[in-house]
Amino acid sequence: MKQKEFQDFVVNSLTSMDGKMTSLDGKMTSLEERMTKQENLQDITVKHLMKLSERVSSVEGTVLRMENKIMDKIEVLFDSHKQHEDRLDRIEEKIAQ
């Protein structure tokens, strides 16, 4: 290969490599942008999940308070029913005598 041909070959190769490097730089920039968007989406998702978790905890607390109130009322109703039943038994005994 002659000197001129070799120089042309080297210049063409370097030019080709430069184009490929520019293309790679563009792809890297695109990947970095996509990665940043993905990280932002993950941050938003985590924040949303934390808020949902807080809301679920709040709802669970409300349900527990309601269950406690309902259980108290059911116990009162049961006691009242038992007293009523006892009273009817006493009345039936008096009538039977």
C-alpha atoms as a PDB file:
ATOM      1  CA  MET A   1       0.000   0.000   0.000  1.00  0.00           C
ATOM      2  CA  LYS A   2       1.333   3.376  -0.910  1.00  0.00           C
ATOM      3  CA  GLN A   3       1.689   6.185   1.564  1.00  0.00           C
ATOM      4  CA  LYS A   4      -1.216   8.176   0.111  1.00  0.00           C
ATOM      5  CA  GLU A   5      -3.517   5.154   0.098  1.00  0.00           C
ATOM      6  CA  PHE A   6      -2.581   4.322   3.673  1.00  0.00           C
ATOM      7  CA  GLN A   7      -3.248   7.888   4.770  1.00  0.00           C
ATOM      8  CA  ASP A   8      -6.642   7.842   3.028  1.00  0.00           C
ATOM      9  CA  PHE A   9      -7.441   4.509   4.658  1.00  0.00           C
ATOM     10  CA  VAL A  10      -6.515   5.853   8.115  1.00  0.00           C
ATOM     11  CA  VAL A  11      -8.521   9.051   7.567  1.00  0.00           C
ATOM     12  CA  ASN A  12     -11.560   7.093   6.348  1.00  0.00           C
ATOM     13  CA  SER A  13     -11.316   4.678   9.268  1.00  0.00           C
ATOM     14  CA  LEU A  14     -11.028   7.493  11.779  1.00  0.00           C
ATOM     15  CA  THR A  15     -13.937   9.331  10.164  1.00  0.00           C
ATOM     16  CA  SER A  16     -16.016   6.171  10.311  1.00  0.00           C
ATOM     17  CA  MET A  17     -15.062   5.638  13.957  1.00  0.00           C
ATOM     18  CA  ASP A  18     -15.908   9.240  14.734  1.00  0.00           C
ATOM     19  CA  GLY A  19     -19.380   8.748  13.258  1.00  0.00           C
ATOM     20  CA  LYS A  20     -19.851   5.590  15.275  1.00  0.00           C
ATOM     21  CA  MET A  21     -18.692   7.374  18.450  1.00  0.00           C
ATOM     22  CA  THR A  22     -21.131  10.216  17.776  1.00  0.00           C
ATOM     23  CA  SER A  23     -23.894   7.649  17.334  1.00  0.00           C
ATOM     24  CA  LEU A  24     -22.903   5.933  20.582  1.00  0.00           C
ATOM     25  CA  ASP A  25     -22.845   9.283  22.402  1.00  0.00           C
ATOM     26  CA  GLY A  26     -26.385   9.952  21.170  1.00  0.00           C
ATOM     27  CA  LYS A  27     -27.537   6.531  22.302  1.00  0.00           C
ATOM     28  CA  MET A  28     -25.904   7.014  25.706  1.00  0.00           C
ATOM     29  CA  THR A  29     -27.603  10.378  26.087  1.00  0.00           C
ATOM     30  CA  SER A  30     -30.920   8.796  25.148  1.00  0.00           C
ATOM     31  CA  LEU A  31     -30.374   5.993  27.663  1.00  0.00           C
ATOM     32  CA  GLU A  32     -29.465   8.478  30.389  1.00  0.00           C
ATOM     33  CA  GLU A  33     -32.640  10.457  29.675  1.00  0.00           C
ATOM     34  CA  ARG A  34     -34.749   7.319  29.763  1.00  0.00           C
ATOM     35  CA  MET A  35     -33.059   6.250  32.988  1.00  0.00           C
ATOM     36  CA  THR A  36     -33.765   9.617  34.564  1.00  0.00           C
ATOM     37  CA  LYS A  37     -37.419   9.396  33.524  1.00  0.00           C
ATOM     38  CA  GLN A  38     -37.595   5.864  34.930  1.00  0.00           C
ATOM     39  CA  GLU A  39     -36.070   6.997  38.233  1.00  0.00           C
ATOM     40  CA  ASN A  40     -38.568   9.861  38.421  1.00  0.00           C
ATOM     41  CA  LEU A  41     -41.416   7.440  37.747  1.00  0.00           C
ATOM     42  CA  GLN A  42     -40.113   5.129  40.469  1.00  0.00           C
ATOM     43  CA  ASP A  43     -39.943   8.037  42.923  1.00  0.00           C
ATOM     44  CA  ILE A  44     -43.522   9.022  42.105  1.00  0.00           C
ATOM     45  CA  THR A  45     -44.645   5.401  42.443  1.00  0.00           C
ATOM     46  CA  VAL A  46     -42.944   5.006  45.828  1.00  0.00           C
ATOM     47  CA  LYS A  47     -44.501   8.227  47.114  1.00  0.00           C
ATOM     48  CA  HIS A  48     -47.925   7.114  45.877  1.00  0.00           C
ATOM     49  CA  LEU A  49     -47.523   3.700  47.515  1.00  0.00           C
ATOM     50  CA  MET A  50     -46.515   5.356  50.790  1.00  0.00           C
ATOM     51  CA  LYS A  51     -49.642   7.526  50.695  1.00  0.00           C
ATOM     52  CA  LEU A  52     -51.780   4.482  49.915  1.00  0.00           C
ATOM     53  CA  SER A  53     -50.175   2.624  52.800  1.00  0.00           C
ATOM     54  CA  GLU A  54     -50.979   5.502  55.143  1.00  0.00           C
ATOM     55  CA  ARG A  55     -54.580   5.543  53.909  1.00  0.00           C
ATOM     56  CA  VAL A  56     -54.902   1.775  54.373  1.00  0.00           C
ATOM     57  CA  SER A  57     -53.550   2.109  57.921  1.00  0.00           C
ATOM     58  CA  SER A  58     -56.045   4.871  58.598  1.00  0.00           C
ATOM     59  CA  VAL A  59     -58.911   2.793  57.222  1.00  0.00           C
ATOM     60  CA  GLU A  60     -57.800  -0.211  59.274  1.00  0.00           C
ATOM     61  CA  GLY A  61     -57.765   1.942  62.388  1.00  0.00           C
ATOM     62  CA  THR A  62     -61.258   3.192  61.613  1.00  0.00           C
ATOM     63  CA  VAL A  63     -62.493  -0.362  61.038  1.00  0.00           C
ATOM     64  CA  LEU A  64     -61.023  -1.498  64.355  1.00  0.00           C
ATOM     65  CA  ARG A  65     -62.691   1.376  66.208  1.00  0.00           C
ATOM     66  CA  MET A  66     -65.998   0.576  64.523  1.00  0.00           C
ATOM     67  CA  GLU A  67     -65.644  -3.118  65.380  1.00  0.00           C
ATOM     68  CA  ASN A  68     -64.968  -2.248  69.003  1.00  0.00           C
ATOM     69  CA  LYS A  69     -68.037  -0.016  69.158  1.00  0.00           C
ATOM     70  CA  ILE A  70     -70.179  -2.620  67.431  1.00  0.00           C
ATOM     71  CA  MET A  71     -68.937  -5.392  69.721  1.00  0.00           C
ATOM     72  CA  ASP A  72     -69.777  -3.257  72.756  1.00  0.00           C
ATOM     73  CA  LYS A  73     -73.283  -2.675  71.407  1.00  0.00           C
ATOM     74  CA  ILE A  74     -73.761  -6.348  70.589  1.00  0.00           C
ATOM     75  CA  GLU A  75     -72.697  -7.283  74.122  1.00  0.00           C
ATOM     76  CA  VAL A  76     -75.202  -4.784  75.544  1.00  0.00           C
ATOM     77  CA  LEU A  77     -77.947  -6.200  73.312  1.00  0.00           C
ATOM     78  CA  PHE A  78     -77.051  -9.747  74.340  1.00  0.00           C
ATOM     79  CA  ASP A  79     -77.105  -8.807  78.041  1.00  0.00           C
ATOM     80  CA  SER A  80     -80.445  -7.081  77.536  1.00  0.00           C
ATOM     81  CA  HIS A  81     -81.843 -10.135  75.765  1.00  0.00           C
ATOM     82  CA  LYS A  82     -80.589 -12.386  78.576  1.00  0.00           C
ATOM     83  CA  GLN A  83     -82.240 -10.156  81.209  1.00  0.00           C
ATOM     84  CA  HIS A  84     -85.471 -10.178  79.206  1.00  0.00           C
ATOM     85  CA  GLU A  85     -85.338 -13.971  78.948  1.00  0.00           C
ATOM     86  CA  ASP A  86     -84.707 -14.319  82.686  1.00  0.00           C
ATOM     87  CA  ARG A  87     -87.637 -12.015  83.414  1.00  0.00           C
ATOM     88  CA  LEU A  88     -89.927 -14.101  81.170  1.00  0.00           C
ATOM     89  CA  ASP A  89     -88.783 -17.267  82.963  1.00  0.00           C
ATOM     90  CA  ARG A  90     -89.670 -15.710  86.353  1.00  0.00           C
ATOM     91  CA  ILE A  91     -93.074 -14.623  85.060  1.00  0.00           C
ATOM     92  CA  GLU A  92     -93.765 -18.094  83.647  1.00  0.00           C
ATOM     93  CA  GLU A  93     -92.822 -19.618  87.012  1.00  0.00           C
ATOM     94  CA  LYS A  94     -95.240 -17.322  88.855  1.00  0.00           C
ATOM     95  CA  ILE A  95     -98.015 -18.091  86.409  1.00  0.00           C
ATOM     96  CA  ALA A  96     -97.381 -21.826  86.710  1.00  0.00           C
ATOM     97  CA  GLN A  97     -97.833 -21.761  90.510  1.00  0.00           C
END
